N, C-alpha and C. Protein backbone atom coordinates (compact mmCIF):
# COMPACT_ATOMS: atom_id res chain seq x y z
N UNK A 1 231.61 104.41 6.67
CA UNK A 1 233.01 104.97 6.17
C UNK A 1 232.58 106.39 5.40
N UNK A 2 233.01 107.84 5.25
CA UNK A 2 232.79 108.66 5.20
C UNK A 2 232.96 108.86 3.82
N UNK A 3 231.84 109.39 3.00
CA UNK A 3 232.61 109.81 1.29
C UNK A 3 232.26 111.04 0.87
N UNK A 4 233.58 111.07 0.46
CA UNK A 4 234.05 112.76 0.38
C UNK A 4 234.70 112.91 -1.08
N UNK A 5 234.53 113.83 -2.13
CA UNK A 5 234.48 114.13 -3.13
C UNK A 5 234.72 115.00 -3.62
N UNK A 6 235.61 115.47 -4.59
CA UNK A 6 235.63 116.97 -5.04
C UNK A 6 234.39 117.40 -6.09
N UNK A 7 233.82 118.63 -5.78
CA UNK A 7 232.96 118.82 -6.69
C UNK A 7 232.97 118.62 -7.99
N UNK A 8 234.21 118.17 -8.45
CA UNK A 8 233.96 118.35 -9.64
C UNK A 8 233.69 116.93 -10.53
N UNK A 9 233.04 115.94 -10.00
CA UNK A 9 232.88 114.64 -10.30
C UNK A 9 231.67 114.99 -10.09
N UNK A 10 231.08 115.75 -9.61
CA UNK A 10 229.69 115.92 -10.59
C UNK A 10 229.58 116.10 -12.17
N UNK A 11 230.85 116.07 -12.74
CA UNK A 11 230.30 115.95 -14.32
C UNK A 11 230.28 114.38 -14.40
N UNK A 12 230.73 113.56 -13.88
CA UNK A 12 230.29 111.93 -13.59
C UNK A 12 228.79 111.92 -12.41
N UNK A 13 228.24 112.74 -12.73
CA UNK A 13 227.02 112.55 -11.28
C UNK A 13 226.34 111.36 -11.29
N UNK A 14 226.54 110.66 -12.41
CA UNK A 14 225.26 109.12 -11.98
C UNK A 14 226.40 108.30 -11.06
N UNK A 15 227.83 108.34 -11.14
CA UNK A 15 228.46 108.04 -10.34
C UNK A 15 228.87 108.48 -8.92
N UNK A 16 228.16 109.48 -8.73
CA UNK A 16 228.03 110.57 -7.25
C UNK A 16 226.97 109.84 -6.95
N UNK A 17 225.88 109.73 -7.30
CA UNK A 17 224.43 109.41 -7.12
C UNK A 17 224.64 107.94 -6.46
N UNK A 18 225.32 106.85 -7.42
CA UNK A 18 225.29 105.88 -7.13
C UNK A 18 226.07 105.39 -5.41
N UNK A 19 226.49 106.55 -5.40
CA UNK A 19 227.32 106.24 -3.61
C UNK A 19 226.14 107.10 -2.52
N UNK A 20 224.75 107.88 -3.34
CA UNK A 20 224.29 107.95 -2.10
C UNK A 20 222.99 107.24 -1.72
N UNK A 21 222.99 107.15 -0.47
CA UNK A 21 221.83 106.06 -0.07
C UNK A 21 221.41 106.38 1.32
N UNK A 22 220.79 105.17 2.36
CA UNK A 22 220.16 105.93 3.52
C UNK A 22 221.52 105.96 4.47
N UNK A 23 221.35 106.78 5.20
CA UNK A 23 222.45 106.75 5.86
C UNK A 23 223.99 106.90 5.46
N UNK A 24 223.97 107.26 4.04
CA UNK A 24 225.46 107.33 3.31
C UNK A 24 225.59 108.57 2.64
N UNK A 25 225.70 109.67 2.75
CA UNK A 25 225.90 111.26 2.17
C UNK A 25 226.85 111.60 1.36
N UNK A 26 227.14 112.11 0.41
CA UNK A 26 228.35 112.23 0.06
C UNK A 26 228.06 113.84 0.57
N UNK A 27 229.76 114.04 0.59
CA UNK A 27 230.06 115.30 1.23
C UNK A 27 231.27 115.58 -0.33
N UNK A 28 230.53 117.03 -0.74
CA UNK A 28 231.54 117.38 -2.07
C UNK A 28 232.15 118.72 -1.08
N UNK A 29 233.63 118.25 -1.96
CA UNK A 29 234.61 119.93 -1.45
C UNK A 29 234.85 120.51 -2.86
N UNK A 30 234.76 121.83 -2.11
CA UNK A 30 235.35 123.06 -3.24
C UNK A 30 236.98 123.53 -2.66
N UNK A 31 237.55 123.42 -3.81
CA UNK A 31 239.06 124.06 -3.41
C UNK A 31 239.48 123.07 -2.23
N UNK A 32 239.08 122.01 -1.54
CA UNK A 32 240.16 121.13 -0.86
C UNK A 32 239.26 121.58 0.45
N UNK A 33 238.45 122.82 0.74
CA UNK A 33 237.23 122.34 1.58
C UNK A 33 235.83 122.20 1.72
N UNK A 34 235.44 121.28 2.40
CA UNK A 34 234.00 121.08 2.40
C UNK A 34 233.06 122.07 2.58
N UNK A 35 232.21 121.60 0.99
CA UNK A 35 231.28 122.61 0.41
C UNK A 35 229.56 122.39 0.41
N UNK A 36 229.35 121.14 0.00
CA UNK A 36 227.82 120.85 -0.15
C UNK A 36 227.87 119.15 0.31
N UNK A 37 226.57 118.59 0.46
CA UNK A 37 226.11 117.45 0.93
C UNK A 37 225.23 116.77 -0.08
N UNK A 38 225.65 115.92 -0.40
CA UNK A 38 224.34 115.36 -1.37
C UNK A 38 223.57 114.32 -0.52
N UNK A 39 222.28 114.32 -0.56
CA UNK A 39 221.76 113.22 0.71
C UNK A 39 220.25 112.40 0.21
N UNK A 40 220.13 111.34 0.79
CA UNK A 40 218.97 110.56 0.52
C UNK A 40 217.60 111.14 0.53
N UNK A 41 216.80 111.10 -0.27
CA UNK A 41 215.21 112.13 0.21
C UNK A 41 214.93 111.87 1.80
N UNK A 42 214.91 110.26 1.98
CA UNK A 42 214.37 110.03 3.10
C UNK A 42 215.40 110.83 4.48
N UNK A 43 216.51 110.43 4.07
CA UNK A 43 217.36 110.92 5.49
C UNK A 43 217.08 112.69 5.23
N UNK A 44 217.00 113.46 4.60
CA UNK A 44 216.68 114.66 4.37
C UNK A 44 215.25 114.66 4.82
N UNK A 45 213.89 114.62 5.09
CA UNK A 45 213.23 114.38 4.95
C UNK A 45 213.30 114.42 6.65
N UNK A 46 213.48 113.45 6.89
CA UNK A 46 213.83 112.89 8.53
C UNK A 46 214.39 113.84 8.90
N UNK A 47 215.12 115.08 8.85
CA UNK A 47 215.84 115.95 8.82
C UNK A 47 214.73 116.95 9.35
N UNK A 48 214.15 117.64 8.03
CA UNK A 48 213.23 118.69 8.31
C UNK A 48 212.11 118.31 9.36
N UNK A 49 211.92 116.70 9.68
CA UNK A 49 210.84 116.69 10.33
C UNK A 49 211.91 116.68 11.99
N UNK A 50 212.78 116.36 11.95
CA UNK A 50 213.41 116.54 13.34
C UNK A 50 213.73 118.41 13.62
N UNK A 51 214.09 118.91 12.46
CA UNK A 51 214.30 120.43 12.55
C UNK A 51 212.88 120.82 13.60
N UNK A 52 211.66 120.50 12.97
CA UNK A 52 210.48 121.28 13.20
C UNK A 52 209.81 120.89 14.79
N UNK A 53 210.46 119.42 14.95
CA UNK A 53 210.36 118.93 16.47
C UNK A 53 211.28 119.45 17.53
N UNK A 54 212.73 120.26 16.86
CA UNK A 54 213.33 121.13 17.75
C UNK A 54 212.31 122.51 17.63
N UNK A 55 211.98 122.81 16.83
CA UNK A 55 211.42 124.45 17.07
C UNK A 55 209.99 124.28 18.00
N UNK A 56 209.28 122.99 17.67
CA UNK A 56 208.46 122.95 18.49
C UNK A 56 208.02 122.57 20.18
N UNK A 57 209.58 122.12 20.66
CA UNK A 57 210.32 121.68 21.75
C UNK A 57 210.88 123.21 22.02
N UNK A 58 211.19 123.55 21.29
CA UNK A 58 211.59 125.06 21.99
C UNK A 58 210.23 126.12 22.60
N UNK A 59 209.38 126.03 21.33
CA UNK A 59 208.07 126.97 22.09
C UNK A 59 207.53 126.16 23.07
N UNK A 60 207.48 124.95 23.18
CA UNK A 60 206.80 124.46 24.10
C UNK A 60 207.54 124.77 26.28
N UNK A 61 208.38 124.53 25.25
CA UNK A 61 209.33 125.49 26.76
C UNK A 61 209.69 126.96 27.28
N UNK A 62 209.03 127.65 25.72
CA UNK A 62 208.78 129.13 26.38
C UNK A 62 207.76 128.94 26.72
N UNK A 63 206.78 128.23 25.74
CA UNK A 63 205.36 128.48 26.64
C UNK A 63 205.37 128.33 27.99
N UNK A 64 205.94 127.49 28.62
CA UNK A 64 206.14 126.87 29.98
C UNK A 64 206.84 127.98 30.98
N UNK A 65 207.46 128.59 30.11
CA UNK A 65 208.60 129.93 31.18
C UNK A 65 207.39 130.55 31.30
N UNK A 66 206.58 131.14 29.93
CA UNK A 66 205.70 132.51 30.15
C UNK A 66 204.53 132.54 30.24
N UNK A 67 204.33 131.23 30.51
CA UNK A 67 202.88 130.61 30.94
C UNK A 67 202.05 130.39 29.47
N UNK A 68 200.80 131.02 29.72
CA UNK A 68 199.77 130.39 28.04
C UNK A 68 200.14 131.68 27.13
N UNK A 69 200.07 131.09 26.33
CA UNK A 69 199.52 131.80 25.40
C UNK A 69 198.77 131.51 24.13
N UNK A 70 197.82 132.68 23.20
CA UNK A 70 196.85 132.42 22.28
C UNK A 70 196.41 131.44 21.51
N UNK A 71 196.20 130.36 21.21
CA UNK A 71 196.22 129.45 20.09
C UNK A 71 196.33 129.85 18.84
N UNK A 72 196.05 130.90 18.28
CA UNK A 72 196.35 131.33 17.28
C UNK A 72 197.82 131.93 16.91
N UNK A 73 198.54 132.71 18.02
CA UNK A 73 199.85 133.04 18.26
C UNK A 73 200.69 131.64 18.16
N UNK A 74 200.55 130.54 18.65
CA UNK A 74 201.64 129.62 18.33
C UNK A 74 201.23 128.90 17.24
N UNK A 75 199.71 128.67 16.84
CA UNK A 75 200.04 127.98 15.34
C UNK A 75 200.55 128.94 14.53
N UNK A 76 200.60 130.23 14.42
CA UNK A 76 201.05 131.09 13.54
C UNK A 76 202.92 130.81 13.09
N UNK A 77 203.00 130.64 14.30
CA UNK A 77 204.97 130.50 14.87
C UNK A 77 205.23 129.06 14.36
N UNK A 78 204.53 128.17 14.39
CA UNK A 78 204.68 126.70 13.89
C UNK A 78 204.62 126.65 12.56
N UNK A 79 203.45 127.30 12.07
CA UNK A 79 203.34 127.66 10.03
C UNK A 79 204.77 127.98 10.06
N UNK A 80 205.35 128.62 10.44
CA UNK A 80 206.23 129.45 9.48
C UNK A 80 207.04 128.46 8.71
């Protein structure tokens, strides 16, 4: 079930945080529109790893198309 609350609920942040859990984000609305998401730290870390793996896949695909690239260039791009 999707958990949606108005941002004003943050006045009682304990109530909001009690509803956040793994695979259970809380979507906060402002003036009736989605504005923020509160997520569990493990979910956030998994999302960051996913973004990095997507970036790596993009770099590898680009390298396949254009041939080889210097290692220092690839490393600099990955560390951005």
